[in-house]
Amino acid sequence: MPGYVAYPPELSYPPIPRTDEPAIVVREVGSSRRVYFPGDIERTSWRSGHTGLSRMLRNAIRWLLGDDAPVRLEGDGVVESFAWETEAGFALHVLNYTNPAMHKGWIRRYYPIGAQKVRMNLPPGQKVSRVELLRAEKDVPFRQSAGAIEFPIPGVADYEVAALIR
């Protein structure tokens, strides 16, 4: 669809009902994968909060990564996560951005999110003896098998750090 105004609501409709413009172009050649969005999908997704666009972006990124994503979180909310190896083991930071003002640059109140299911790939031969949530100050159960570890984070107010101790 070509662009059209978002406000006022009475003018928020596409000017033409159909086009032959593609919404997404996907190609896989050998081990190379490419995704092209001919429109301004990212900005539109962020500005509108449209769940369908968010899902399309998330699915495209997952398809590009294949099964190589080092960390996967499943759960409601908008989160940022990053992980790295530490001297004691591994650390996973989870930041909760779920907030009606998340695009405005300031957060005056936190909107806690529920459980996040974590799956994290580990280097070959690495064993974890315990998983501690540093913000919540408690250990959580985990399951380790085939080079990966899975564990829950029961909830996140603003942020949580999972310490995976060798």
Protein backbone atom coordinates (compact mmCIF):
# COMPACT_ATOMS: atom_id res chain seq x y z
CA MET A 1 0.00 0.00 0.00
CA PRO A 2 1.24 3.49 -0.65
CA GLY A 3 1.50 5.75 2.38
CA TYR A 4 -1.53 7.56 3.76
CA VAL A 5 -2.25 9.76 6.73
CA ALA A 6 -2.75 8.24 10.18
CA TYR A 7 -4.60 11.22 11.65
CA PRO A 8 -7.31 12.39 11.76
CA PRO A 9 -9.01 9.00 12.03
CA GLU A 10 -11.71 9.86 9.49
CA LEU A 11 -8.98 10.13 6.82
CA SER A 12 -7.10 6.99 7.90
CA TYR A 13 -7.83 4.71 5.01
CA PRO A 14 -5.80 3.71 1.96
CA PRO A 15 -6.42 5.93 -1.05
CA ILE A 16 -6.59 2.92 -3.39
CA PRO A 17 -7.93 -0.55 -2.50
CA ARG A 18 -5.26 -2.68 -4.27
CA THR A 19 -1.76 -2.41 -5.67
CA ASP A 20 0.71 -4.85 -7.15
CA GLU A 21 3.47 -3.51 -4.89
CA PRO A 22 4.92 -6.40 -2.85
CA ALA A 23 4.76 -6.19 0.95
CA ILE A 24 7.83 -8.38 1.37
CA VAL A 25 10.35 -10.06 -0.90
CA VAL A 26 12.00 -13.23 0.46
CA ARG A 27 14.78 -15.18 -1.19
CA GLU A 28 16.95 -18.12 -0.21
CA VAL A 29 19.91 -19.21 -2.33
CA GLY A 30 22.12 -21.90 -0.84
CA SER A 31 22.89 -20.85 2.72
CA SER A 32 22.14 -17.18 2.01
CA ARG A 33 18.80 -15.72 3.08
CA ARG A 34 17.48 -12.27 2.20
CA VAL A 35 14.40 -10.32 3.20
CA TYR A 36 13.44 -7.00 1.63
CA PHE A 37 10.61 -4.73 2.71
CA PRO A 38 9.93 -2.16 -0.03
CA GLY A 39 8.00 0.08 2.36
CA ASP A 40 8.81 1.77 5.65
CA ILE A 41 7.75 -1.20 7.77
CA GLU A 42 10.03 -0.59 10.78
CA ARG A 43 9.00 3.03 11.39
CA THR A 44 5.36 2.26 10.70
CA SER A 45 5.48 -0.63 13.17
CA TRP A 46 7.08 1.51 15.89
CA ARG A 47 4.77 4.49 15.36
CA SER A 48 1.54 2.53 15.05
CA GLY A 49 2.20 -0.34 17.43
CA HIS A 50 0.50 -2.57 14.85
CA THR A 51 0.91 -6.15 16.06
CA GLY A 52 0.74 -7.61 12.54
CA LEU A 53 3.71 -5.54 11.38
CA SER A 54 5.64 -6.39 14.54
CA ARG A 55 4.96 -10.08 13.98
CA MET A 56 6.06 -9.83 10.34
CA LEU A 57 9.37 -8.17 11.34
CA ARG A 58 9.97 -10.67 14.15
CA ASN A 59 9.22 -13.64 11.88
CA ALA A 60 11.51 -12.26 9.14
CA ILE A 61 14.38 -11.90 11.61
CA ARG A 62 13.79 -15.40 12.98
CA TRP A 63 13.74 -16.83 9.46
CA LEU A 64 16.99 -15.01 8.61
CA LEU A 65 18.69 -16.41 11.72
CA GLY A 66 17.33 -19.91 11.23
CA ASP A 67 18.07 -22.02 14.28
CA ASP A 68 21.19 -20.00 15.07
CA ALA A 69 19.61 -17.48 17.46
CA PRO A 70 21.77 -17.65 20.59
CA VAL A 71 18.93 -16.54 22.90
CA ARG A 72 15.16 -16.84 22.53
CA LEU A 73 12.55 -15.38 24.86
CA GLU A 74 8.88 -16.28 24.67
CA GLY A 75 6.30 -14.26 26.54
CA ASP A 76 4.16 -11.15 26.40
CA GLY A 77 5.63 -7.69 26.34
CA VAL A 78 8.26 -5.68 24.50
CA VAL A 79 11.72 -6.61 25.74
CA GLU A 80 15.34 -6.16 24.82
CA SER A 81 17.78 -8.88 25.75
CA PHE A 82 21.51 -9.33 25.51
CA ALA A 83 23.81 -12.03 26.81
CA TRP A 84 27.51 -12.69 27.17
CA GLU A 85 30.00 -15.01 28.82
CA THR A 86 31.36 -13.94 32.20
CA GLU A 87 34.12 -15.31 34.41
CA ALA A 88 31.55 -17.15 36.54
CA GLY A 89 29.42 -18.40 33.62
CA PHE A 90 26.96 -16.41 31.53
CA ALA A 91 24.72 -13.37 32.01
CA LEU A 92 21.40 -12.58 30.34
CA HIS A 93 19.94 -9.09 30.73
CA VAL A 94 16.24 -8.54 30.01
CA LEU A 95 14.90 -4.98 29.81
CA ASN A 96 11.15 -4.38 29.87
CA TYR A 97 10.09 -1.65 27.43
CA THR A 98 6.38 -2.43 27.66
CA ASN A 99 4.96 1.03 28.17
CA PRO A 100 2.53 3.34 26.37
CA ALA A 101 5.28 6.02 26.37
CA MET A 102 8.06 3.72 25.08
CA HIS A 103 8.37 5.71 21.84
CA LYS A 104 8.42 9.06 23.59
CA GLY A 105 11.86 8.75 25.21
CA TRP A 106 10.81 8.75 28.85
CA ILE A 107 9.24 6.26 31.19
CA ARG A 108 7.41 7.53 34.25
CA ARG A 109 5.91 4.24 35.35
CA TYR A 110 6.74 0.58 34.81
CA TYR A 111 4.25 -1.90 33.39
CA PRO A 112 5.41 -5.31 34.66
CA ILE A 113 5.24 -8.23 32.29
CA GLY A 114 4.59 -11.86 33.10
CA ALA A 115 6.64 -14.97 32.65
CA GLN A 116 9.33 -15.19 29.99
CA LYS A 117 10.49 -18.59 28.81
CA VAL A 118 14.21 -18.45 27.99
CA ARG A 119 16.19 -20.78 25.75
CA MET A 120 19.88 -20.02 25.47
CA ASN A 121 22.53 -21.83 23.42
CA LEU A 122 25.73 -22.65 25.28
CA PRO A 123 29.21 -23.30 23.91
CA PRO A 124 30.10 -27.00 23.56
CA GLY A 125 30.98 -28.71 26.82
CA GLN A 126 29.63 -25.97 29.09
CA LYS A 127 27.62 -27.06 32.14
CA VAL A 128 25.52 -24.79 34.34
CA SER A 129 25.09 -25.61 38.03
CA ARG A 130 22.45 -22.99 38.83
CA VAL A 131 20.48 -20.05 37.42
CA GLU A 132 20.01 -17.06 39.70
CA LEU A 133 17.80 -14.06 38.98
CA LEU A 134 19.77 -11.16 40.43
CA ARG A 135 16.99 -8.56 40.58
CA ALA A 136 14.47 -11.02 42.05
CA GLU A 137 17.20 -12.49 44.29
CA LYS A 138 16.18 -16.10 43.75
CA ASP A 139 17.23 -19.24 41.95
CA VAL A 140 15.00 -20.69 39.24
CA PRO A 141 14.73 -24.25 37.97
CA PHE A 142 16.42 -25.02 34.66
CA ARG A 143 16.80 -27.81 32.16
CA GLN A 144 20.04 -28.27 30.24
CA SER A 145 20.42 -30.57 27.25
CA ALA A 146 22.11 -30.73 23.84
CA GLY A 147 24.10 -27.50 24.13
CA ALA A 148 21.22 -25.35 25.36
CA ILE A 149 19.60 -24.35 28.61
CA GLU A 150 15.96 -23.49 29.29
CA PHE A 151 14.59 -21.64 32.31
CA PRO A 152 11.72 -19.33 33.25
CA ILE A 153 11.83 -15.73 34.37
CA PRO A 154 8.57 -15.41 36.35
CA GLY A 155 8.14 -11.69 35.64
CA VAL A 156 9.98 -8.47 34.86
CA ALA A 157 9.12 -5.05 36.27
CA ASP A 158 11.85 -2.90 34.71
CA TYR A 159 14.78 -5.28 34.21
CA GLU A 160 16.12 -8.65 35.25
CA VAL A 161 19.53 -10.28 35.05
CA ALA A 162 19.84 -14.05 34.91
CA ALA A 163 23.23 -15.30 36.09
CA LEU A 164 24.04 -18.76 34.77
CA ILE A 165 26.69 -20.10 37.14
CA ARG A 166 29.05 -22.85 35.98
